[in-house]
PDB file of all heavy atoms in Angstrom:
ATOM      1  N   ILE A   1      19.696   8.924  31.119  1.00  0.00           N
ATOM      2  CA  ILE A   1      19.666   7.826  30.136  1.00  0.00           C
ATOM      3  C   ILE A   1      19.870   6.486  30.849  1.00  0.00           C
ATOM      4  O   ILE A   1      19.153   5.516  30.590  1.00  0.00           O
ATOM      5  CB  ILE A   1      20.737   8.043  29.035  1.00  0.00           C
ATOM      6  CG1 ILE A   1      20.411   9.293  28.208  1.00  0.00           C
ATOM      7  CG2 ILE A   1      20.856   6.814  28.142  1.00  0.00           C
ATOM      8  CD1 ILE A   1      19.133   9.222  27.410  1.00  0.00           C
ATOM      9  N   ASN A   2      20.822   6.431  31.755  1.00  0.00           N
ATOM     10  CA  ASN A   2      21.059   5.212  32.535  1.00  0.00           C
ATOM     11  C   ASN A   2      19.829   4.860  33.386  1.00  0.00           C
ATOM     12  O   ASN A   2      19.453   3.683  33.480  1.00  0.00           O
ATOM     13  CB  ASN A   2      22.308   5.385  33.405  1.00  0.00           C
ATOM     14  CG  ASN A   2      22.724   4.089  34.069  1.00  0.00           C
ATOM     15  OD1 ASN A   2      22.584   2.999  33.522  1.00  0.00           O
ATOM     16  ND2 ASN A   2      23.253   4.210  35.281  1.00  0.00           N
ATOM     17  N   LEU A   3      19.216   5.862  33.980  1.00  0.00           N
ATOM     18  CA  LEU A   3      18.011   5.646  34.781  1.00  0.00           C
ATOM     19  C   LEU A   3      16.916   5.013  33.911  1.00  0.00           C
ATOM     20  O   LEU A   3      16.334   3.994  34.291  1.00  0.00           O
ATOM     21  CB  LEU A   3      17.512   6.985  35.357  1.00  0.00           C
ATOM     22  CG  LEU A   3      16.169   6.951  36.086  1.00  0.00           C
ATOM     23  CD1 LEU A   3      16.292   6.211  37.414  1.00  0.00           C
ATOM     24  CD2 LEU A   3      15.666   8.362  36.319  1.00  0.00           C
ATOM     25  N   ILE A   4      16.660   5.593  32.754  1.00  0.00           N
ATOM     26  CA  ILE A   4      15.608   5.096  31.876  1.00  0.00           C
ATOM     27  C   ILE A   4      15.912   3.656  31.442  1.00  0.00           C
ATOM     28  O   ILE A   4      15.030   2.790  31.498  1.00  0.00           O
ATOM     29  CB  ILE A   4      15.435   6.015  30.661  1.00  0.00           C
ATOM     30  CG1 ILE A   4      14.832   7.352  31.110  1.00  0.00           C
ATOM     31  CG2 ILE A   4      14.561   5.370  29.581  1.00  0.00           C
ATOM     32  CD1 ILE A   4      14.894   8.445  30.061  1.00  0.00           C
ATOM     33  N   GLN A   5      17.145   3.402  31.033  1.00  0.00           N
ATOM     34  CA  GLN A   5      17.526   2.058  30.595  1.00  0.00           C
ATOM     35  C   GLN A   5      17.348   1.051  31.731  1.00  0.00           C
ATOM     36  O   GLN A   5      16.876  -0.068  31.510  1.00  0.00           O
ATOM     37  CB  GLN A   5      18.980   2.025  30.083  1.00  0.00           C
ATOM     38  CG  GLN A   5      19.179   2.831  28.812  1.00  0.00           C
ATOM     39  CD  GLN A   5      18.266   2.403  27.680  1.00  0.00           C
ATOM     40  OE1 GLN A   5      17.156   2.891  27.528  1.00  0.00           O
ATOM     41  NE2 GLN A   5      18.724   1.464  26.902  1.00  0.00           N
ATOM     42  N   SER A   6      17.715   1.423  32.950  1.00  0.00           N
ATOM     43  CA  SER A   6      17.600   0.532  34.095  1.00  0.00           C
ATOM     44  C   SER A   6      16.141   0.265  34.465  1.00  0.00           C
ATOM     45  O   SER A   6      15.791  -0.857  34.834  1.00  0.00           O
ATOM     46  CB  SER A   6      18.332   1.119  35.299  1.00  0.00           C
ATOM     47  OG  SER A   6      19.707   1.270  35.015  1.00  0.00           O
ATOM     48  N   LEU A   7      15.313   1.277  34.370  1.00  0.00           N
ATOM     49  CA  LEU A   7      13.910   1.131  34.778  1.00  0.00           C
ATOM     50  C   LEU A   7      13.076   0.357  33.784  1.00  0.00           C
ATOM     51  O   LEU A   7      12.093  -0.288  34.163  1.00  0.00           O
ATOM     52  CB  LEU A   7      13.292   2.510  35.018  1.00  0.00           C
ATOM     53  CG  LEU A   7      13.876   3.329  36.154  1.00  0.00           C
ATOM     54  CD1 LEU A   7      13.224   4.699  36.216  1.00  0.00           C
ATOM     55  CD2 LEU A   7      13.749   2.600  37.492  1.00  0.00           C
ATOM     56  N   LYS A   8      13.449   0.410  32.489  1.00  0.00           N
ATOM     57  CA  LYS A   8      12.661  -0.261  31.448  1.00  0.00           C
ATOM     58  C   LYS A   8      12.473  -1.749  31.692  1.00  0.00           C
ATOM     59  O   LYS A   8      11.494  -2.332  31.256  1.00  0.00           O
ATOM     60  CB  LYS A   8      13.330  -0.064  30.083  1.00  0.00           C
ATOM     61  CG  LYS A   8      13.021   1.228  29.439  1.00  0.00           C
ATOM     62  CD  LYS A   8      13.662   1.267  28.069  1.00  0.00           C
ATOM     63  CE  LYS A   8      13.156   2.478  27.328  1.00  0.00           C
ATOM     64  NZ  LYS A   8      13.681   2.520  25.968  1.00  0.00           N
ATOM     65  N   GLU A   9      13.418  -2.345  32.383  1.00  0.00           N
ATOM     66  CA  GLU A   9      13.333  -3.781  32.658  1.00  0.00           C
ATOM     67  C   GLU A   9      12.216  -4.102  33.651  1.00  0.00           C
ATOM     68  O   GLU A   9      11.680  -5.199  33.638  1.00  0.00           O
ATOM     69  CB  GLU A   9      14.688  -4.247  33.210  1.00  0.00           C
ATOM     70  CG  GLU A   9      14.802  -5.732  33.390  1.00  0.00           C
ATOM     71  CD  GLU A   9      16.177  -6.146  33.877  1.00  0.00           C
ATOM     72  OE1 GLU A   9      17.165  -5.410  33.646  1.00  0.00           O
ATOM     73  OE2 GLU A   9      16.273  -7.215  34.494  1.00  0.00           O
ATOM     74  N   PHE A  10      11.867  -3.134  34.483  1.00  0.00           N
ATOM     75  CA  PHE A  10      10.916  -3.387  35.574  1.00  0.00           C
ATOM     76  C   PHE A  10       9.595  -2.633  35.459  1.00  0.00           C
ATOM     77  O   PHE A  10       8.616  -2.989  36.102  1.00  0.00           O
ATOM     78  CB  PHE A  10      11.568  -3.022  36.914  1.00  0.00           C
ATOM     79  CG  PHE A  10      12.852  -3.744  37.155  1.00  0.00           C
ATOM     80  CD1 PHE A  10      14.064  -3.104  36.928  1.00  0.00           C
ATOM     81  CD2 PHE A  10      12.865  -5.052  37.579  1.00  0.00           C
ATOM     82  CE1 PHE A  10      15.274  -3.766  37.142  1.00  0.00           C
ATOM     83  CE2 PHE A  10      14.063  -5.729  37.787  1.00  0.00           C
ATOM     84  CZ  PHE A  10      15.276  -5.078  37.574  1.00  0.00           C
ATOM     85  N   TYR A  11       9.584  -1.542  34.680  1.00  0.00           N
ATOM     86  CA  TYR A  11       8.410  -0.668  34.617  1.00  0.00           C
ATOM     87  C   TYR A  11       8.055  -0.325  33.171  1.00  0.00           C
ATOM     88  O   TYR A  11       8.921  -0.234  32.317  1.00  0.00           O
ATOM     89  CB  TYR A  11       8.695   0.665  35.316  1.00  0.00           C
ATOM     90  CG  TYR A  11       9.028   0.589  36.788  1.00  0.00           C
ATOM     91  CD1 TYR A  11      10.344   0.584  37.230  1.00  0.00           C
ATOM     92  CD2 TYR A  11       8.002   0.573  37.736  1.00  0.00           C
ATOM     93  CE1 TYR A  11      10.646   0.555  38.585  1.00  0.00           C
ATOM     94  CE2 TYR A  11       8.310   0.536  39.097  1.00  0.00           C
ATOM     95  CZ  TYR A  11       9.616   0.528  39.510  1.00  0.00           C
ATOM     96  OH  TYR A  11       9.910   0.507  40.850  1.00  0.00           O
ATOM     97  N   SER A  12       6.768  -0.052  32.949  1.00  0.00           N
ATOM     98  CA  SER A  12       6.341   0.617  31.727  1.00  0.00           C
ATOM     99  C   SER A  12       6.575   2.106  31.971  1.00  0.00           C
ATOM    100  O   SER A  12       6.258   2.607  33.060  1.00  0.00           O
ATOM    101  CB  SER A  12       4.856   0.369  31.462  1.00  0.00           C
ATOM    102  OG  SER A  12       4.626  -1.000  31.257  1.00  0.00           O
ATOM    103  N   LEU A  13       7.104   2.824  30.963  1.00  0.00           N
ATOM    104  CA  LEU A  13       7.465   4.225  31.166  1.00  0.00           C
ATOM    105  C   LEU A  13       6.679   5.142  30.247  1.00  0.00           C
ATOM    106  O   LEU A  13       6.329   4.766  29.118  1.00  0.00           O
ATOM    107  CB  LEU A  13       8.960   4.429  30.896  1.00  0.00           C
ATOM    108  CG  LEU A  13       9.931   3.593  31.730  1.00  0.00           C
ATOM    109  CD1 LEU A  13      11.362   3.904  31.332  1.00  0.00           C
ATOM    110  CD2 LEU A  13       9.728   3.830  33.224  1.00  0.00           C
ATOM    111  N   GLY A  14       6.415   6.353  30.725  1.00  0.00           N
ATOM    112  CA  GLY A  14       5.751   7.366  29.925  1.00  0.00           C
ATOM    113  C   GLY A  14       6.190   8.754  30.343  1.00  0.00           C
ATOM    114  O   GLY A  14       6.796   8.937  31.395  1.00  0.00           O
ATOM    115  N   ILE A  15       5.893   9.722  29.469  1.00  0.00           N
ATOM    116  CA  ILE A  15       6.134  11.134  29.752  1.00  0.00           C
ATOM    117  C   ILE A  15       4.792  11.839  29.694  1.00  0.00           C
ATOM    118  O   ILE A  15       4.040  11.679  28.737  1.00  0.00           O
ATOM    119  CB  ILE A  15       7.108  11.758  28.728  1.00  0.00           C
ATOM    120  CG1 ILE A  15       8.499  11.142  28.866  1.00  0.00           C
ATOM    121  CG2 ILE A  15       7.165  13.279  28.886  1.00  0.00           C
ATOM    122  CD1 ILE A  15       9.492  11.579  27.803  1.00  0.00           C
ATOM    123  N   VAL A  16       4.504  12.627  30.726  1.00  0.00           N
ATOM    124  CA  VAL A  16       3.314  13.479  30.755  1.00  0.00           C
ATOM    125  C   VAL A  16       3.823  14.893  31.013  1.00  0.00           C
ATOM    126  O   VAL A  16       4.389  15.173  32.067  1.00  0.00           O
ATOM    127  CB  VAL A  16       2.298  13.042  31.822  1.00  0.00           C
ATOM    128  CG1 VAL A  16       1.150  14.023  31.901  1.00  0.00           C
ATOM    129  CG2 VAL A  16       1.785  11.634  31.536  1.00  0.00           C
ATOM    130  N   THR A  17       3.617  15.761  30.038  1.00  0.00           N
ATOM    131  CA  THR A  17       4.142  17.129  30.116  1.00  0.00           C
ATOM    132  C   THR A  17       3.057  18.155  29.832  1.00  0.00           C
ATOM    133  O   THR A  17       2.110  17.870  29.092  1.00  0.00           O
ATOM    134  CB  THR A  17       5.321  17.306  29.127  1.00  0.00           C
ATOM    135  OG1 THR A  17       5.810  18.644  29.236  1.00  0.00           O
ATOM    136  CG2 THR A  17       4.906  17.028  27.681  1.00  0.00           C
ATOM    137  N   SER A  18       3.233  19.334  30.389  1.00  0.00           N
ATOM    138  CA  SER A  18       2.346  20.462  30.088  1.00  0.00           C
ATOM    139  C   SER A  18       2.821  21.223  28.865  1.00  0.00           C
ATOM    140  O   SER A  18       2.239  22.233  28.488  1.00  0.00           O
ATOM    141  CB  SER A  18       2.266  21.399  31.295  1.00  0.00           C
ATOM    142  OG  SER A  18       1.679  20.731  32.381  1.00  0.00           O
ATOM    143  N   SER A  19       3.890  20.751  28.250  1.00  0.00           N
ATOM    144  CA  SER A  19       4.427  21.399  27.059  1.00  0.00           C
ATOM    145  C   SER A  19       3.674  20.922  25.811  1.00  0.00           C
ATOM    146  O   SER A  19       3.137  19.831  25.796  1.00  0.00           O
ATOM    147  CB  SER A  19       5.905  21.043  26.891  1.00  0.00           C
ATOM    148  OG  SER A  19       6.652  21.578  27.949  1.00  0.00           O
ATOM    149  N   PRO A  20       3.692  21.748  24.747  1.00  0.00           N
ATOM    150  CA  PRO A  20       3.069  21.321  23.485  1.00  0.00           C
ATOM    151  C   PRO A  20       3.757  20.084  22.910  1.00  0.00           C
ATOM    152  O   PRO A  20       4.977  19.926  23.053  1.00  0.00           O
ATOM    153  CB  PRO A  20       3.256  22.519  22.552  1.00  0.00           C
ATOM    154  CG  PRO A  20       3.573  23.673  23.443  1.00  0.00           C
ATOM    155  CD  PRO A  20       4.210  23.111  24.667  1.00  0.00           C
ATOM    156  N   GLY A  21       2.996  19.249  22.259  1.00  0.00           N
ATOM    157  CA  GLY A  21       3.508  17.990  21.732  1.00  0.00           C
ATOM    158  C   GLY A  21       4.632  18.150  20.727  1.00  0.00           C
ATOM    159  O   GLY A  21       5.601  17.382  20.749  1.00  0.00           O
ATOM    160  N   ILE A  22       4.545  19.124  19.827  1.00  0.00           N
ATOM    161  CA  ILE A  22       5.590  19.314  18.818  1.00  0.00           C
ATOM    162  C   ILE A  22       6.923  19.587  19.506  1.00  0.00           C
ATOM    163  O   ILE A  22       7.955  18.985  19.192  1.00  0.00           O
ATOM    164  CB  ILE A  22       5.234  20.450  17.840  1.00  0.00           C
ATOM    165  CG1 ILE A  22       4.017  20.049  17.001  1.00  0.00           C
ATOM    166  CG2 ILE A  22       6.409  20.815  16.949  1.00  0.00           C
ATOM    167  CD1 ILE A  22       3.426  21.184  16.186  1.00  0.00           C
ATOM    168  N   TYR A  23       6.907  20.502  20.465  1.00  0.00           N
ATOM    169  CA  TYR A  23       8.114  20.834  21.232  1.00  0.00           C
ATOM    170  C   TYR A  23       8.630  19.611  21.980  1.00  0.00           C
ATOM    171  O   TYR A  23       9.810  19.287  21.934  1.00  0.00           O
ATOM    172  CB  TYR A  23       7.802  21.977  22.208  1.00  0.00           C
ATOM    173  CG  TYR A  23       8.764  22.113  23.346  1.00  0.00           C
ATOM    174  CD1 TYR A  23       9.979  22.768  23.182  1.00  0.00           C
ATOM    175  CD2 TYR A  23       8.455  21.601  24.605  1.00  0.00           C
ATOM    176  CE1 TYR A  23      10.860  22.908  24.239  1.00  0.00           C
ATOM    177  CE2 TYR A  23       9.329  21.732  25.661  1.00  0.00           C
ATOM    178  CZ  TYR A  23      10.531  22.385  25.479  1.00  0.00           C
ATOM    179  OH  TYR A  23      11.408  22.507  26.525  1.00  0.00           O
ATOM    180  N   ALA A  24       7.710  18.910  22.683  1.00  0.00           N
ATOM    181  CA  ALA A  24       8.117  17.748  23.480  1.00  0.00           C
ATOM    182  C   ALA A  24       8.741  16.674  22.600  1.00  0.00           C
ATOM    183  O   ALA A  24       9.779  16.115  22.959  1.00  0.00           O
ATOM    184  CB  ALA A  24       6.910  17.196  24.236  1.00  0.00           C
ATOM    185  N   ARG A  25       8.154  16.401  21.446  1.00  0.00           N
ATOM    186  CA  ARG A  25       8.706  15.380  20.551  1.00  0.00           C
ATOM    187  C   ARG A  25      10.089  15.787  20.040  1.00  0.00           C
ATOM    188  O   ARG A  25      10.991  14.955  19.935  1.00  0.00           O
ATOM    189  CB  ARG A  25       7.746  15.100  19.384  1.00  0.00           C
ATOM    190  CG  ARG A  25       6.592  14.182  19.806  1.00  0.00           C
ATOM    191  CD  ARG A  25       5.735  13.757  18.639  1.00  0.00           C
ATOM    192  NE  ARG A  25       4.869  14.824  18.143  1.00  0.00           N
ATOM    193  CZ  ARG A  25       3.746  15.226  18.725  1.00  0.00           C
ATOM    194  NH1 ARG A  25       3.326  14.624  19.827  1.00  0.00           N
ATOM    195  NH2 ARG A  25       3.020  16.193  18.208  1.00  0.00           N
ATOM    196  N   LYS A  26      10.263  17.064  19.716  1.00  0.00           N
ATOM    197  CA  LYS A  26      11.575  17.549  19.262  1.00  0.00           C
ATOM    198  C   LYS A  26      12.619  17.389  20.365  1.00  0.00           C
ATOM    199  O   LYS A  26      13.750  16.974  20.100  1.00  0.00           O
ATOM    200  CB  LYS A  26      11.493  19.020  18.829  1.00  0.00           C
ATOM    201  CG  LYS A  26      10.784  19.228  17.490  1.00  0.00           C
ATOM    202  CD  LYS A  26      10.732  20.705  17.140  1.00  0.00           C
ATOM    203  CE  LYS A  26       9.962  20.974  15.888  1.00  0.00           C
ATOM    204  NZ  LYS A  26      10.651  20.587  14.666  1.00  0.00           N
ATOM    205  N   LEU A  27      12.244  17.703  21.591  1.00  0.00           N
ATOM    206  CA  LEU A  27      13.152  17.588  22.731  1.00  0.00           C
ATOM    207  C   LEU A  27      13.495  16.120  22.999  1.00  0.00           C
ATOM    208  O   LEU A  27      14.671  15.764  23.186  1.00  0.00           O
ATOM    209  CB  LEU A  27      12.482  18.218  23.957  1.00  0.00           C
ATOM    210  CG  LEU A  27      13.352  18.621  25.128  1.00  0.00           C
ATOM    211  CD1 LEU A  27      14.370  19.683  24.720  1.00  0.00           C
ATOM    212  CD2 LEU A  27      12.479  19.151  26.259  1.00  0.00           C
ATOM    213  N   ILE A  28      12.493  15.263  22.974  1.00  0.00           N
ATOM    214  CA  ILE A  28      12.689  13.829  23.206  1.00  0.00           C
ATOM    215  C   ILE A  28      13.599  13.242  22.125  1.00  0.00           C
ATOM    216  O   ILE A  28      14.530  12.488  22.417  1.00  0.00           O
ATOM    217  CB  ILE A  28      11.327  13.107  23.250  1.00  0.00           C
ATOM    218  CG1 ILE A  28      10.582  13.477  24.538  1.00  0.00           C
ATOM    219  CG2 ILE A  28      11.490  11.601  23.125  1.00  0.00           C
ATOM    220  CD1 ILE A  28       9.106  13.131  24.529  1.00  0.00           C
ATOM    221  N   GLU A  29      13.341  13.603  20.883  1.00  0.00           N
ATOM    222  CA  GLU A  29      14.147  13.091  19.776  1.00  0.00           C
ATOM    223  C   GLU A  29      15.590  13.604  19.857  1.00  0.00           C
ATOM    224  O   GLU A  29      16.533  12.828  19.695  1.00  0.00           O
ATOM    225  CB  GLU A  29      13.524  13.506  18.449  1.00  0.00           C
ATOM    226  CG  GLU A  29      14.249  12.951  17.247  1.00  0.00           C
ATOM    227  CD  GLU A  29      13.575  13.343  15.954  1.00  0.00           C
ATOM    228  OE1 GLU A  29      12.336  13.235  15.846  1.00  0.00           O
ATOM    229  OE2 GLU A  29      14.308  13.781  15.043  1.00  0.00           O
ATOM    230  N   TYR A  30      15.748  14.887  20.138  1.00  0.00           N
ATOM    231  CA  TYR A  30      17.085  15.466  20.206  1.00  0.00           C
ATOM    232  C   TYR A  30      17.941  14.758  21.260  1.00  0.00           C
ATOM    233  O   TYR A  30      19.128  14.510  21.067  1.00  0.00           O
ATOM    234  CB  TYR A  30      17.026  16.980  20.496  1.00  0.00           C
ATOM    235  CG  TYR A  30      18.415  17.577  20.579  1.00  0.00           C
ATOM    236  CD1 TYR A  30      19.119  17.904  19.422  1.00  0.00           C
ATOM    237  CD2 TYR A  30      19.034  17.770  21.803  1.00  0.00           C
ATOM    238  CE1 TYR A  30      20.403  18.423  19.486  1.00  0.00           C
ATOM    239  CE2 TYR A  30      20.312  18.294  21.885  1.00  0.00           C
ATOM    240  CZ  TYR A  30      20.990  18.610  20.727  1.00  0.00           C
ATOM    241  OH  TYR A  30      22.269  19.108  20.788  1.00  0.00           O
ATOM    242  N   HIS A  31      17.324  14.451  22.395  1.00  0.00           N
ATOM    243  CA  HIS A  31      18.071  13.834  23.500  1.00  0.00           C
ATOM    244  C   HIS A  31      17.995  12.315  23.516  1.00  0.00           C
ATOM    245  O   HIS A  31      18.450  11.678  24.468  1.00  0.00           O
ATOM    246  CB  HIS A  31      17.587  14.409  24.841  1.00  0.00           C
ATOM    247  CG  HIS A  31      17.973  15.844  25.027  1.00  0.00           C
ATOM    248  ND1 HIS A  31      19.278  16.241  25.244  1.00  0.00           N
ATOM    249  CD2 HIS A  31      17.247  16.991  24.985  1.00  0.00           C
ATOM    250  CE1 HIS A  31      19.333  17.559  25.345  1.00  0.00           C
ATOM    251  NE2 HIS A  31      18.121  18.034  25.194  1.00  0.00           N
ATOM    252  N   ASN A  32      17.415  11.734  22.473  1.00  0.00           N
ATOM    253  CA  ASN A  32      17.329  10.267  22.338  1.00  0.00           C
ATOM    254  C   ASN A  32      16.712   9.592  23.561  1.00  0.00           C
ATOM    255  O   ASN A  32      17.214   8.569  24.041  1.00  0.00           O
ATOM    256  CB  ASN A  32      18.721   9.666  22.057  1.00  0.00           C
ATOM    257  CG  ASN A  32      19.266  10.139  20.746  1.00  0.00           C
ATOM    258  OD1 ASN A  32      18.584  10.109  19.727  1.00  0.00           O
ATOM    259  ND2 ASN A  32      20.510  10.597  20.763  1.00  0.00           N
ATOM    260  N   LEU A  33      15.646  10.187  24.069  1.00  0.00           N
ATOM    261  CA  LEU A  33      14.927   9.581  25.187  1.00  0.00           C
ATOM    262  C   LEU A  33      14.032   8.469  24.628  1.00  0.00           C
ATOM    263  O   LEU A  33      13.159   8.732  23.804  1.00  0.00           O
ATOM    264  CB  LEU A  33      14.077  10.624  25.923  1.00  0.00           C
ATOM    265  CG  LEU A  33      14.859  11.709  26.632  1.00  0.00           C
ATOM    266  CD1 LEU A  33      13.920  12.805  27.140  1.00  0.00           C
ATOM    267  CD2 LEU A  33      15.639  11.116  27.791  1.00  0.00           C
ATOM    268  N   THR A  34      14.286   7.262  25.041  1.00  0.00           N
ATOM    269  CA  THR A  34      13.567   6.117  24.497  1.00  0.00           C
ATOM    270  C   THR A  34      12.360   5.757  25.371  1.00  0.00           C
ATOM    271  O   THR A  34      12.257   4.657  25.892  1.00  0.00           O
ATOM    272  CB  THR A  34      14.513   4.918  24.341  1.00  0.00           C
ATOM    273  OG1 THR A  34      15.105   4.654  25.620  1.00  0.00           O
ATOM    274  CG2 THR A  34      15.595   5.202  23.316  1.00  0.00           C
ATOM    275  N   ILE A  35      11.481   6.724  25.512  1.00  0.00           N
ATOM    276  CA  ILE A  35      10.229   6.511  26.237  1.00  0.00           C
ATOM    277  C   ILE A  35       9.112   6.675  25.229  1.00  0.00           C
ATOM    278  O   ILE A  35       8.883   7.761  24.705  1.00  0.00           O
ATOM    279  CB  ILE A  35      10.091   7.526  27.399  1.00  0.00           C
ATOM    280  CG1 ILE A  35      11.245   7.346  28.399  1.00  0.00           C
ATOM    281  CG2 ILE A  35       8.743   7.351  28.095  1.00  0.00           C
ATOM    282  CD1 ILE A  35      11.256   8.353  29.535  1.00  0.00           C
TER     283      ILE A  35
END
């Protein structure tokens, strides 16, 4: 979380996964990943 917050100031961020979108969105939401 600290890494993501620190990097947002300098970079555009994204997630590219081989996992299904429904699963990935649930995981991202559960862990409050702001990407």
